[in-house]
Amino acid sequence: MSPIRLIRDTAELSGTCYFEFLPGPYRGRCWNAGSVFLAEDVFGLIEPVIARHVPEFDHYSFVAVGRATWERVIPDLGREAAASADRAFGALAGELAAWLREQLDDHECVSVLGM
């Protein structure tokens, strides 16, 4: 498995097996400045939480997720992390939640750009 961490710099990406969290709606391109990324296998740790709250989510598509939905996802992600014995997953969940909250101060949605 890839290191369980949030990637903040596109220079750290190798290949294309990443999920991108893009502040705002999809703008016609991937690997945007200001986005954060998770390796596909790491995204698998949080994918069930997102899929539970975002019915239109698809592993292979791009979906804009509105503020109200993220406000349900974030605490659910925290519960999943608290239930896990994996400290790295807990740290990742906390870091992603903090990043999402920060983005939602300025954006109505954060898009998840899949494979």
PDB file of N, CA and C in Angstrom:
ATOM      1  N   MET A   1       0.844  -1.181   0.000  1.00  0.00           N
ATOM      2  CA  MET A   1       0.000   0.000   0.000  1.00  0.00           C
ATOM      3  C   MET A   1       0.889   1.243   0.000  1.00  0.00           C
ATOM      4  N   SER A   2       0.382   2.269  -0.665  1.00  0.00           N
ATOM      5  CA  SER A   2       1.082   3.563  -0.684  1.00  0.00           C
ATOM      6  C   SER A   2       1.095   4.148   0.723  1.00  0.00           C
ATOM      7  N   PRO A   3       2.012   5.078   0.996  1.00  0.00           N
ATOM      8  CA  PRO A   3       1.993   5.746   2.301  1.00  0.00           C
ATOM      9  C   PRO A   3       0.634   6.425   2.524  1.00  0.00           C
ATOM     10  N   ILE A   4       0.112   6.288   3.729  1.00  0.00           N
ATOM     11  CA  ILE A   4      -1.195   6.852   4.063  1.00  0.00           C
ATOM     12  C   ILE A   4      -0.989   8.310   4.428  1.00  0.00           C
ATOM     13  N   ARG A   5      -1.146   9.164   3.393  1.00  0.00           N
ATOM     14  CA  ARG A   5      -0.931  10.586   3.606  1.00  0.00           C
ATOM     15  C   ARG A   5      -1.621  11.389   2.511  1.00  0.00           C
ATOM     16  N   LEU A   6      -1.870  12.629   2.824  1.00  0.00           N
ATOM     17  CA  LEU A   6      -2.449  13.586   1.890  1.00  0.00           C
ATOM     18  C   LEU A   6      -1.300  14.222   1.107  1.00  0.00           C
ATOM     19  N   ILE A   7      -1.400  14.210  -0.208  1.00  0.00           N
ATOM     20  CA  ILE A   7      -0.362  14.775  -1.064  1.00  0.00           C
ATOM     21  C   ILE A   7      -0.810  16.178  -1.471  1.00  0.00           C
ATOM     22  N   ARG A   8       0.025  17.150  -1.195  1.00  0.00           N
ATOM     23  CA  ARG A   8      -0.319  18.555  -1.462  1.00  0.00           C
ATOM     24  C   ARG A   8       0.412  19.159  -2.653  1.00  0.00           C
ATOM     25  N   ASP A   9       1.384  18.484  -3.198  1.00  0.00           N
ATOM     26  CA  ASP A   9       2.214  19.031  -4.265  1.00  0.00           C
ATOM     27  C   ASP A   9       2.199  18.077  -5.457  1.00  0.00           C
ATOM     28  N   THR A  10       1.802  18.583  -6.632  1.00  0.00           N
ATOM     29  CA  THR A  10       1.747  17.729  -7.821  1.00  0.00           C
ATOM     30  C   THR A  10       3.118  17.168  -8.193  1.00  0.00           C
ATOM     31  N   ALA A  11       4.193  17.798  -7.747  1.00  0.00           N
ATOM     32  CA  ALA A  11       5.528  17.283  -8.033  1.00  0.00           C
ATOM     33  C   ALA A  11       5.764  15.920  -7.374  1.00  0.00           C
ATOM     34  N   GLU A  12       4.963  15.592  -6.368  1.00  0.00           N
ATOM     35  CA  GLU A  12       5.094  14.306  -5.682  1.00  0.00           C
ATOM     36  C   GLU A  12       4.325  13.184  -6.372  1.00  0.00           C
ATOM     37  N   LEU A  13       3.530  13.516  -7.385  1.00  0.00           N
ATOM     38  CA  LEU A  13       2.721  12.511  -8.062  1.00  0.00           C
ATOM     39  C   LEU A  13       3.559  11.771  -9.088  1.00  0.00           C
ATOM     40  N   SER A  14       3.399  10.462  -9.109  1.00  0.00           N
ATOM     41  CA  SER A  14       4.101   9.624 -10.063  1.00  0.00           C
ATOM     42  C   SER A  14       3.075   8.720 -10.717  1.00  0.00           C
ATOM     43  N   GLY A  15       2.815   8.932 -11.985  1.00  0.00           N
ATOM     44  CA  GLY A  15       1.765   8.178 -12.658  1.00  0.00           C
ATOM     45  C   GLY A  15       0.436   8.901 -12.525  1.00  0.00           C
ATOM     46  N   THR A  16      -0.655   8.140 -12.704  1.00  0.00           N
ATOM     47  CA  THR A  16      -1.981   8.768 -12.720  1.00  0.00           C
ATOM     48  C   THR A  16      -2.971   8.129 -11.756  1.00  0.00           C
ATOM     49  N   CYS A  17      -2.543   7.243 -10.899  1.00  0.00           N
ATOM     50  CA  CYS A  17      -3.465   6.527 -10.005  1.00  0.00           C
ATOM     51  C   CYS A  17      -3.713   7.312  -8.721  1.00  0.00           C
ATOM     52  N   TYR A  18      -4.324   8.479  -8.875  1.00  0.00           N
ATOM     53  CA  TYR A  18      -4.604   9.358  -7.745  1.00  0.00           C
ATOM     54  C   TYR A  18      -6.026   9.904  -7.841  1.00  0.00           C
ATOM     55  N   PHE A  19      -6.588  10.187  -6.697  1.00  0.00           N
ATOM     56  CA  PHE A  19      -7.841  10.933  -6.612  1.00  0.00           C
ATOM     57  C   PHE A  19      -7.484  12.355  -6.237  1.00  0.00           C
ATOM     58  N   GLU A  20      -8.161  13.282  -6.887  1.00  0.00           N
ATOM     59  CA  GLU A  20      -7.909  14.700  -6.651  1.00  0.00           C
ATOM     60  C   GLU A  20      -9.119  15.317  -5.956  1.00  0.00           C
ATOM     61  N   PHE A  21      -8.859  16.073  -4.910  1.00  0.00           N
ATOM     62  CA  PHE A  21      -9.888  16.880  -4.249  1.00  0.00           C
ATOM     63  C   PHE A  21      -9.644  18.316  -4.718  1.00  0.00           C
ATOM     64  N   LEU A  22     -10.568  18.817  -5.523  1.00  0.00           N
ATOM     65  CA  LEU A  22     -10.431  20.114  -6.170  1.00  0.00           C
ATOM     66  C   LEU A  22     -11.362  21.134  -5.524  1.00  0.00           C
ATOM     67  N   PRO A  23     -10.843  22.232  -4.994  1.00  0.00           N
ATOM     68  CA  PRO A  23     -11.726  23.270  -4.466  1.00  0.00           C
ATOM     69  C   PRO A  23     -12.588  23.833  -5.595  1.00  0.00           C
ATOM     70  N   GLY A  24     -13.902  23.779  -5.429  1.00  0.00           N
ATOM     71  CA  GLY A  24     -14.815  24.269  -6.452  1.00  0.00           C
ATOM     72  C   GLY A  24     -15.166  23.196  -7.468  1.00  0.00           C
ATOM     73  N   PRO A  25     -15.872  23.596  -8.528  1.00  0.00           N
ATOM     74  CA  PRO A  25     -16.273  22.640  -9.566  1.00  0.00           C
ATOM     75  C   PRO A  25     -15.119  22.295 -10.499  1.00  0.00           C
ATOM     76  N   TYR A  26     -15.270  21.178 -11.197  1.00  0.00           N
ATOM     77  CA  TYR A  26     -14.287  20.754 -12.199  1.00  0.00           C
ATOM     78  C   TYR A  26     -14.143  21.840 -13.259  1.00  0.00           C
ATOM     79  N   ARG A  27     -12.904  22.152 -13.600  1.00  0.00           N
ATOM     80  CA  ARG A  27     -12.628  23.240 -14.529  1.00  0.00           C
ATOM     81  C   ARG A  27     -11.999  22.772 -15.838  1.00  0.00           C
ATOM     82  N   GLY A  28     -12.238  21.541 -16.189  1.00  0.00           N
ATOM     83  CA  GLY A  28     -11.761  21.050 -17.477  1.00  0.00           C
ATOM     84  C   GLY A  28     -10.365  20.482 -17.487  1.00  0.00           C
ATOM     85  N   ARG A  29      -9.723  20.396 -16.327  1.00  0.00           N
ATOM     86  CA  ARG A  29      -8.394  19.784 -16.282  1.00  0.00           C
ATOM     87  C   ARG A  29      -8.132  19.196 -14.893  1.00  0.00           C
ATOM     88  N   CYS A  30      -7.170  18.302 -14.852  1.00  0.00           N
ATOM     89  CA  CYS A  30      -6.775  17.648 -13.596  1.00  0.00           C
ATOM     90  C   CYS A  30      -5.408  18.164 -13.164  1.00  0.00           C
ATOM     91  N   TRP A  31      -4.983  17.730 -11.976  1.00  0.00           N
ATOM     92  CA  TRP A  31      -3.693  18.092 -11.389  1.00  0.00           C
ATOM     93  C   TRP A  31      -3.604  19.614 -11.177  1.00  0.00           C
ATOM     94  N   ASN A  32      -4.627  20.156 -10.540  1.00  0.00           N
ATOM     95  CA  ASN A  32      -4.733  21.595 -10.313  1.00  0.00           C
ATOM     96  C   ASN A  32      -3.946  22.051  -9.095  1.00  0.00           C
ATOM     97  N   ALA A  33      -3.356  23.238  -9.205  1.00  0.00           N
ATOM     98  CA  ALA A  33      -2.736  23.877  -8.043  1.00  0.00           C
ATOM     99  C   ALA A  33      -3.844  24.144  -7.031  1.00  0.00           C
ATOM    100  N   GLY A  34      -3.568  23.922  -5.770  1.00  0.00           N
ATOM    101  CA  GLY A  34      -4.564  24.123  -4.724  1.00  0.00           C
ATOM    102  C   GLY A  34      -5.350  22.874  -4.382  1.00  0.00           C
ATOM    103  N   SER A  35      -5.231  21.838  -5.215  1.00  0.00           N
ATOM    104  CA  SER A  35      -5.883  20.561  -4.934  1.00  0.00           C
ATOM    105  C   SER A  35      -5.009  19.738  -3.996  1.00  0.00           C
ATOM    106  N   VAL A  36      -5.613  18.724  -3.386  1.00  0.00           N
ATOM    107  CA  VAL A  36      -4.860  17.708  -2.655  1.00  0.00           C
ATOM    108  C   VAL A  36      -5.196  16.359  -3.286  1.00  0.00           C
ATOM    109  N   PHE A  37      -4.330  15.386  -3.063  1.00  0.00           N
ATOM    110  CA  PHE A  37      -4.423  14.116  -3.754  1.00  0.00           C
ATOM    111  C   PHE A  37      -4.244  12.954  -2.786  1.00  0.00           C
ATOM    112  N   LEU A  38      -4.883  11.839  -3.131  1.00  0.00           N
ATOM    113  CA  LEU A  38      -4.679  10.581  -2.421  1.00  0.00           C
ATOM    114  C   LEU A  38      -4.374   9.502  -3.448  1.00  0.00           C
ATOM    115  N   ALA A  39      -3.389   8.670  -3.160  1.00  0.00           N
ATOM    116  CA  ALA A  39      -3.136   7.511  -4.007  1.00  0.00           C
ATOM    117  C   ALA A  39      -4.401   6.654  -4.020  1.00  0.00           C
ATOM    118  N   GLU A  40      -4.633   5.975  -5.132  1.00  0.00           N
ATOM    119  CA  GLU A  40      -5.874   5.210  -5.281  1.00  0.00           C
ATOM    120  C   GLU A  40      -6.087   4.220  -4.136  1.00  0.00           C
ATOM    121  N   ASP A  41      -5.056   3.496  -3.746  1.00  0.00           N
ATOM    122  CA  ASP A  41      -5.239   2.515  -2.680  1.00  0.00           C
ATOM    123  C   ASP A  41      -5.518   3.186  -1.341  1.00  0.00           C
ATOM    124  N   VAL A  42      -4.975   4.355  -1.105  1.00  0.00           N
ATOM    125  CA  VAL A  42      -5.251   5.096   0.127  1.00  0.00           C
ATOM    126  C   VAL A  42      -6.670   5.655   0.082  1.00  0.00           C
ATOM    127  N   PHE A  43      -7.091   6.150  -1.075  1.00  0.00           N
ATOM    128  CA  PHE A  43      -8.458   6.643  -1.220  1.00  0.00           C
ATOM    129  C   PHE A  43      -9.464   5.545  -0.858  1.00  0.00           C
ATOM    130  N   GLY A  44      -9.104   4.305  -1.128  1.00  0.00           N
ATOM    131  CA  GLY A  44      -9.975   3.179  -0.789  1.00  0.00           C
ATOM    132  C   GLY A  44     -10.350   3.133   0.682  1.00  0.00           C
ATOM    133  N   LEU A  45      -9.529   3.723   1.544  1.00  0.00           N
ATOM    134  CA  LEU A  45      -9.837   3.759   2.973  1.00  0.00           C
ATOM    135  C   LEU A  45     -11.011   4.685   3.289  1.00  0.00           C
ATOM    136  N   ILE A  46     -11.156   5.757   2.492  1.00  0.00           N
ATOM    137  CA  ILE A  46     -12.237   6.710   2.766  1.00  0.00           C
ATOM    138  C   ILE A  46     -13.369   6.624   1.749  1.00  0.00           C
ATOM    139  N   GLU A  47     -13.158   5.884   0.683  1.00  0.00           N
ATOM    140  CA  GLU A  47     -14.175   5.779  -0.367  1.00  0.00           C
ATOM    141  C   GLU A  47     -15.542   5.338   0.153  1.00  0.00           C
ATOM    142  N   PRO A  48     -15.625   4.362   1.059  1.00  0.00           N
ATOM    143  CA  PRO A  48     -16.951   3.966   1.549  1.00  0.00           C
ATOM    144  C   PRO A  48     -17.695   5.109   2.234  1.00  0.00           C
ATOM    145  N   VAL A  49     -16.982   5.976   2.923  1.00  0.00           N
ATOM    146  CA  VAL A  49     -17.624   7.110   3.595  1.00  0.00           C
ATOM    147  C   VAL A  49     -18.199   8.065   2.558  1.00  0.00           C
ATOM    148  N   ILE A  50     -17.427   8.373   1.547  1.00  0.00           N
ATOM    149  CA  ILE A  50     -17.908   9.281   0.506  1.00  0.00           C
ATOM    150  C   ILE A  50     -19.079   8.652  -0.246  1.00  0.00           C
ATOM    151  N   ALA A  51     -18.952   7.395  -0.622  1.00  0.00           N
ATOM    152  CA  ALA A  51     -20.019   6.720  -1.358  1.00  0.00           C
ATOM    153  C   ALA A  51     -21.310   6.659  -0.550  1.00  0.00           C
ATOM    154  N   ARG A  52     -21.199   6.557   0.751  1.00  0.00           N
ATOM    155  CA  ARG A  52     -22.382   6.497   1.621  1.00  0.00           C
ATOM    156  C   ARG A  52     -23.176   7.805   1.567  1.00  0.00           C
ATOM    157  N   HIS A  53     -22.517   8.921   1.383  1.00  0.00           N
ATOM    158  CA  HIS A  53     -23.159  10.227   1.420  1.00  0.00           C
ATOM    159  C   HIS A  53     -23.369  10.863   0.047  1.00  0.00           C
ATOM    160  N   VAL A  54     -22.685  10.351  -0.953  1.00  0.00           N
ATOM    161  CA  VAL A  54     -22.754  10.942  -2.298  1.00  0.00           C
ATOM    162  C   VAL A  54     -23.227   9.861  -3.269  1.00  0.00           C
ATOM    163  N   PRO A  55     -24.558   9.722  -3.440  1.00  0.00           N
ATOM    164  CA  PRO A  55     -25.094   8.640  -4.277  1.00  0.00           C
ATOM    165  C   PRO A  55     -24.559   8.653  -5.710  1.00  0.00           C
ATOM    166  N   GLU A  56     -24.251   9.829  -6.246  1.00  0.00           N
ATOM    167  CA  GLU A  56     -23.765   9.913  -7.623  1.00  0.00           C
ATOM    168  C   GLU A  56     -22.267   9.648  -7.744  1.00  0.00           C
ATOM    169  N   PHE A  57     -21.591   9.406  -6.618  1.00  0.00           N
ATOM    170  CA  PHE A  57     -20.153   9.148  -6.660  1.00  0.00           C
ATOM    171  C   PHE A  57     -19.872   7.887  -7.470  1.00  0.00           C
ATOM    172  N   ASP A  58     -18.832   7.974  -8.290  1.00  0.00           N
ATOM    173  CA  ASP A  58     -18.352   6.834  -9.059  1.00  0.00           C
ATOM    174  C   ASP A  58     -16.828   6.895  -9.043  1.00  0.00           C
ATOM    175  N   HIS A  59     -16.212   5.775  -8.805  1.00  0.00           N
ATOM    176  CA  HIS A  59     -14.754   5.674  -8.704  1.00  0.00           C
ATOM    177  C   HIS A  59     -14.058   6.258  -9.941  1.00  0.00           C
ATOM    178  N   TYR A  60     -14.736   6.205 -11.076  1.00  0.00           N
ATOM    179  CA  TYR A  60     -14.107   6.579 -12.341  1.00  0.00           C
ATOM    180  C   TYR A  60     -14.620   7.885 -12.937  1.00  0.00           C
ATOM    181  N   SER A  61     -15.316   8.688 -12.169  1.00  0.00           N
ATOM    182  CA  SER A  61     -15.842   9.932 -12.725  1.00  0.00           C
ATOM    183  C   SER A  61     -15.502  11.115 -11.813  1.00  0.00           C
ATOM    184  N   PHE A  62     -15.935  12.275 -12.236  1.00  0.00           N
ATOM    185  CA  PHE A  62     -15.716  13.509 -11.487  1.00  0.00           C
ATOM    186  C   PHE A  62     -17.065  13.941 -10.920  1.00  0.00           C
ATOM    187  N   VAL A  63     -17.081  14.304  -9.641  1.00  0.00           N
ATOM    188  CA  VAL A  63     -18.334  14.718  -9.019  1.00  0.00           C
ATOM    189  C   VAL A  63     -18.079  15.917  -8.096  1.00  0.00           C
ATOM    190  N   ALA A  64     -18.922  16.930  -8.247  1.00  0.00           N
ATOM    191  CA  ALA A  64     -18.872  18.085  -7.348  1.00  0.00           C
ATOM    192  C   ALA A  64     -19.718  17.745  -6.128  1.00  0.00           C
ATOM    193  N   VAL A  65     -19.134  17.884  -4.949  1.00  0.00           N
ATOM    194  CA  VAL A  65     -19.825  17.572  -3.701  1.00  0.00           C
ATOM    195  C   VAL A  65     -20.039  18.890  -2.963  1.00  0.00           C
ATOM    196  N   GLY A  66     -21.311  19.202  -2.706  1.00  0.00           N
ATOM    197  CA  GLY A  66     -21.654  20.470  -2.078  1.00  0.00           C
ATOM    198  C   GLY A  66     -21.308  20.525  -0.601  1.00  0.00           C
ATOM    199  N   ARG A  67     -21.299  21.736  -0.088  1.00  0.00           N
ATOM    200  CA  ARG A  67     -20.948  22.005   1.312  1.00  0.00           C
ATOM    201  C   ARG A  67     -21.794  21.173   2.286  1.00  0.00           C
ATOM    202  N   ALA A  68     -23.104  21.147   2.085  1.00  0.00           N
ATOM    203  CA  ALA A  68     -23.983  20.423   3.017  1.00  0.00           C
ATOM    204  C   ALA A  68     -23.624  18.944   3.090  1.00  0.00           C
ATOM    205  N   THR A  69     -23.263  18.362   1.966  1.00  0.00           N
ATOM    206  CA  THR A  69     -22.874  16.944   1.954  1.00  0.00           C
ATOM    207  C   THR A  69     -21.552  16.750   2.669  1.00  0.00           C
ATOM    208  N   TRP A  70     -20.573  17.623   2.402  1.00  0.00           N
ATOM    209  CA  TRP A  70     -19.288  17.503   3.100  1.00  0.00           C
ATOM    210  C   TRP A  70     -19.483  17.642   4.607  1.00  0.00           C
ATOM    211  N   GLU A  71     -20.432  18.454   5.016  1.00  0.00           N
ATOM    212  CA  GLU A  71     -20.695  18.622   6.452  1.00  0.00           C
ATOM    213  C   GLU A  71     -21.235  17.343   7.097  1.00  0.00           C
ATOM    214  N   ARG A  72     -21.726  16.422   6.298  1.00  0.00           N
ATOM    215  CA  ARG A  72     -22.114  15.096   6.800  1.00  0.00           C
ATOM    216  C   ARG A  72     -20.955  14.104   6.672  1.00  0.00           C
ATOM    217  N   VAL A  73     -20.172  14.255   5.610  1.00  0.00           N
ATOM    218  CA  VAL A  73     -19.046  13.341   5.369  1.00  0.00           C
ATOM    219  C   VAL A  73     -17.959  13.530   6.428  1.00  0.00           C
ATOM    220  N   ILE A  74     -17.624  14.768   6.736  1.00  0.00           N
ATOM    221  CA  ILE A  74     -16.495  15.052   7.630  1.00  0.00           C
ATOM    222  C   ILE A  74     -16.637  14.372   8.997  1.00  0.00           C
ATOM    223  N   PRO A  75     -17.792  14.512   9.709  1.00  0.00           N
ATOM    224  CA  PRO A  75     -17.871  13.810  10.994  1.00  0.00           C
ATOM    225  C   PRO A  75     -17.912  12.289  10.844  1.00  0.00           C
ATOM    226  N   ASP A  76     -18.488  11.801   9.754  1.00  0.00           N
ATOM    227  CA  ASP A  76     -18.524  10.358   9.519  1.00  0.00           C
ATOM    228  C   ASP A  76     -17.108   9.831   9.289  1.00  0.00           C
ATOM    229  N   LEU A  77     -16.320  10.587   8.579  1.00  0.00           N
ATOM    230  CA  LEU A  77     -14.922  10.227   8.371  1.00  0.00           C
ATOM    231  C   LEU A  77     -14.180  10.175   9.704  1.00  0.00           C
ATOM    232  N   GLY A  78     -14.473  11.132  10.576  1.00  0.00           N
ATOM    233  CA  GLY A  78     -13.873  11.136  11.914  1.00  0.00           C
ATOM    234  C   GLY A  78     -14.259   9.912  12.723  1.00  0.00           C
ATOM    235  N   ARG A  79     -15.519   9.508  12.616  1.00  0.00           N
ATOM    236  CA  ARG A  79     -15.964   8.292  13.339  1.00  0.00           C
ATOM    237  C   ARG A  79     -15.252   7.052  12.816  1.00  0.00           C
ATOM    238  N   GLU A  80     -15.114   6.959  11.492  1.00  0.00           N
ATOM    239  CA  GLU A  80     -14.405   5.820  10.896  1.00  0.00           C
ATOM    240  C   GLU A  80     -12.951   5.784  11.379  1.00  0.00           C
ATOM    241  N   ALA A  81     -12.313   6.940  11.398  1.00  0.00           N
ATOM    242  CA  ALA A  81     -10.918   7.012  11.837  1.00  0.00           C
ATOM    243  C   ALA A  81     -10.795   6.634  13.304  1.00  0.00           C
ATOM    244  N   ALA A  82     -11.740   7.093  14.132  1.00  0.00           N
ATOM    245  CA  ALA A  82     -11.696   6.779  15.563  1.00  0.00           C
ATOM    246  C   ALA A  82     -11.880   5.285  15.805  1.00  0.00           C
ATOM    247  N   ALA A  83     -12.655   4.645  14.949  1.00  0.00           N
ATOM    248  CA  ALA A  83     -12.903   3.210  15.101  1.00  0.00           C
ATOM    249  C   ALA A  83     -11.736   2.366  14.587  1.00  0.00           C
ATOM    250  N   SER A  84     -10.868   2.975  13.814  1.00  0.00           N
ATOM    251  CA  SER A  84      -9.729   2.260  13.246  1.00  0.00           C
ATOM    252  C   SER A  84      -8.565   2.271  14.235  1.00  0.00           C
ATOM    253  N   ALA A  85      -7.818   1.184  14.236  1.00  0.00           N
ATOM    254  CA  ALA A  85      -6.620   1.114  15.073  1.00  0.00           C
ATOM    255  C   ALA A  85      -5.407   1.713  14.362  1.00  0.00           C
ATOM    256  N   ASP A  86      -5.583   2.118  13.118  1.00  0.00           N
ATOM    257  CA  ASP A  86      -4.482   2.630  12.310  1.00  0.00           C
ATOM    258  C   ASP A  86      -4.300   4.134  12.543  1.00  0.00           C
ATOM    259  N   ARG A  87      -3.232   4.487  13.247  1.00  0.00           N
ATOM    260  CA  ARG A  87      -2.989   5.910  13.545  1.00  0.00           C
ATOM    261  C   ARG A  87      -2.766   6.747  12.297  1.00  0.00           C
ATOM    262  N   ALA A  88      -2.129   6.153  11.280  1.00  0.00           N
ATOM    263  CA  ALA A  88      -1.895   6.893  10.041  1.00  0.00           C
ATOM    264  C   ALA A  88      -3.223   7.254   9.387  1.00  0.00           C
ATOM    265  N   PHE A  89      -4.181   6.343   9.435  1.00  0.00           N
ATOM    266  CA  PHE A  89      -5.501   6.635   8.880  1.00  0.00           C
ATOM    267  C   PHE A  89      -6.184   7.739   9.677  1.00  0.00           C
ATOM    268  N   GLY A  90      -6.066   7.703  10.984  1.00  0.00           N
ATOM    269  CA  GLY A  90      -6.632   8.761  11.822  1.00  0.00           C
ATOM    270  C   GLY A  90      -6.030  10.117  11.499  1.00  0.00           C
ATOM    271  N   ALA A  91      -4.715  10.149  11.304  1.00  0.00           N
ATOM    272  CA  ALA A  91      -4.044  11.404  10.959  1.00  0.00           C
ATOM    273  C   ALA A  91      -4.495  11.895   9.589  1.00  0.00           C
ATOM    274  N   LEU A  92      -4.601  10.981   8.636  1.00  0.00           N
ATOM    275  CA  LEU A  92      -5.062  11.345   7.298  1.00  0.00           C
ATOM    276  C   LEU A  92      -6.473  11.911   7.349  1.00  0.00           C
ATOM    277  N   ALA A  93      -7.360  11.242   8.057  1.00  0.00           N
ATOM    278  CA  ALA A  93      -8.749  11.699   8.157  1.00  0.00           C
ATOM    279  C   ALA A  93      -8.817  13.094   8.765  1.00  0.00           C
ATOM    280  N   GLY A  94      -8.046  13.331   9.800  1.00  0.00           N
ATOM    281  CA  GLY A  94      -8.026  14.650  10.428  1.00  0.00           C
ATOM    282  C   GLY A  94      -7.477  15.723   9.506  1.00  0.00           C
ATOM    283  N   GLU A  95      -6.414  15.400   8.785  1.00  0.00           N
ATOM    284  CA  GLU A  95      -5.810  16.373   7.870  1.00  0.00           C
ATOM    285  C   GLU A  95      -6.750  16.687   6.704  1.00  0.00           C
ATOM    286  N   LEU A  96      -7.388  15.647   6.157  1.00  0.00           N
ATOM    287  CA  LEU A  96      -8.330  15.868   5.060  1.00  0.00           C
ATOM    288  C   LEU A  96      -9.538  16.666   5.536  1.00  0.00           C
ATOM    289  N   ALA A  97     -10.058  16.354   6.710  1.00  0.00           N
ATOM    290  CA  ALA A  97     -11.199  17.096   7.256  1.00  0.00           C
ATOM    291  C   ALA A  97     -10.856  18.568   7.437  1.00  0.00           C
ATOM    292  N   ALA A  98      -9.682  18.851   7.962  1.00  0.00           N
ATOM    293  CA  ALA A  98      -9.261  20.242   8.154  1.00  0.00           C
ATOM    294  C   ALA A  98      -9.131  20.957   6.815  1.00  0.00           C
ATOM    295  N   TRP A  99      -8.562  20.292   5.829  1.00  0.00           N
ATOM    296  CA  TRP A  99      -8.426  20.890   4.504  1.00  0.00           C
ATOM    297  C   TRP A  99      -9.801  21.165   3.890  1.00  0.00           C
ATOM    298  N   LEU A 100     -10.711  20.199   4.018  1.00  0.00           N
ATOM    299  CA  LEU A 100     -12.060  20.388   3.477  1.00  0.00           C
ATOM    300  C   LEU A 100     -12.760  21.574   4.136  1.00  0.00           C
ATOM    301  N   ARG A 101     -12.677  21.659   5.442  1.00  0.00           N
ATOM    302  CA  ARG A 101     -13.313  22.784   6.147  1.00  0.00           C
ATOM    303  C   ARG A 101     -12.760  24.124   5.655  1.00  0.00           C
ATOM    304  N   GLU A 102     -11.457  24.173   5.475  1.00  0.00           N
ATOM    305  CA  GLU A 102     -10.820  25.404   4.995  1.00  0.00           C
ATOM    306  C   GLU A 102     -11.323  25.773   3.591  1.00  0.00           C
ATOM    307  N   GLN A 103     -11.428  24.784   2.716  1.00  0.00           N
ATOM    308  CA  GLN A 103     -11.891  25.053   1.353  1.00  0.00           C
ATOM    309  C   GLN A 103     -13.353  25.481   1.321  1.00  0.00           C
ATOM    310  N   LEU A 104     -14.152  24.899   2.193  1.00  0.00           N
ATOM    311  CA  LEU A 104     -15.581  25.211   2.215  1.00  0.00           C
ATOM    312  C   LEU A 104     -15.859  26.601   2.769  1.00  0.00           C
ATOM    313  N   ASP A 105     -14.863  27.234   3.360  1.00  0.00           N
ATOM    314  CA  ASP A 105     -15.006  28.638   3.750  1.00  0.00           C
ATOM    315  C   ASP A 105     -15.118  29.533   2.513  1.00  0.00           C
ATOM    316  N   ASP A 106     -14.486  29.118   1.411  1.00  0.00           N
ATOM    317  CA  ASP A 106     -14.424  29.939   0.206  1.00  0.00           C
ATOM    318  C   ASP A 106     -15.136  29.352  -1.006  1.00  0.00           C
ATOM    319  N   HIS A 107     -15.544  28.086  -0.928  1.00  0.00           N
ATOM    320  CA  HIS A 107     -16.135  27.414  -2.087  1.00  0.00           C
ATOM    321  C   HIS A 107     -17.450  26.730  -1.684  1.00  0.00           C
ATOM    322  N   GLU A 108     -18.379  26.698  -2.604  1.00  0.00           N
ATOM    323  CA  GLU A 108     -19.672  26.027  -2.365  1.00  0.00           C
ATOM    324  C   GLU A 108     -19.568  24.520  -2.495  1.00  0.00           C
ATOM    325  N   CYS A 109     -18.503  24.056  -3.155  1.00  0.00           N
ATOM    326  CA  CYS A 109     -18.319  22.612  -3.319  1.00  0.00           C
ATOM    327  C   CYS A 109     -16.826  22.296  -3.367  1.00  0.00           C
ATOM    328  N   VAL A 110     -16.525  21.045  -3.145  1.00  0.00           N
ATOM    329  CA  VAL A 110     -15.199  20.488  -3.401  1.00  0.00           C
ATOM    330  C   VAL A 110     -15.452  19.266  -4.274  1.00  0.00           C
ATOM    331  N   SER A 111     -14.806  19.232  -5.426  1.00  0.00           N
ATOM    332  CA  SER A 111     -15.013  18.135  -6.360  1.00  0.00           C
ATOM    333  C   SER A 111     -14.045  16.998  -6.083  1.00  0.00           C
ATOM    334  N   VAL A 112     -14.521  15.784  -6.302  1.00  0.00           N
ATOM    335  CA  VAL A 112     -13.682  14.594  -6.220  1.00  0.00           C
ATOM    336  C   VAL A 112     -13.484  14.112  -7.639  1.00  0.00           C
ATOM    337  N   LEU A 113     -12.236  14.156  -8.085  1.00  0.00           N
ATOM    338  CA  LEU A 113     -11.906  13.739  -9.439  1.00  0.00           C
ATOM    339  C   LEU A 113     -11.320  12.331  -9.371  1.00  0.00           C
ATOM    340  N   GLY A 114     -12.088  11.372  -9.876  1.00  0.00           N
ATOM    341  CA  GLY A 114     -11.698   9.974  -9.789  1.00  0.00           C
ATOM    342  C   GLY A 114     -10.750   9.562 -10.898  1.00  0.00           C
ATOM    343  N   MET A 115     -10.636   8.281 -11.052  1.00  0.00           N
ATOM    344  CA  MET A 115      -9.694   7.721 -12.009  1.00  0.00           C
ATOM    345  C   MET A 115     -10.152   8.024 -13.414  1.00  0.00           C
TER     346      MET A 115
END
